[in-house]
């Protein structure tokens, strides 16, 4: 089971999906800096931001389950863990 889960999270399709979500999240965060855009679509942008954060948390949890302690040996996983952790603070 662990090996299949590892294959899934390491697959190009999954990685490309996460990259697309990161790009969408960056655009959303950029739009949130505009008071005009926030007046028009602030609720939707906040919903998108929270949804994406939930997906990123789920991604980390799946990777932690699949890789166990090995998760922390990958520098990108550590970076993701820190960034998502900081995003959860506010």
Foldseek 3Di string as FASTA:
>chain_A
DLVVLVCVCPPPVNVVVLVVLVVVLVVLVVLVVDPVSCVVQVVVSVVSNVVSLVVLVVSLVSCCVSCPVNLVVDPVSVVSVVVSVVVPPD
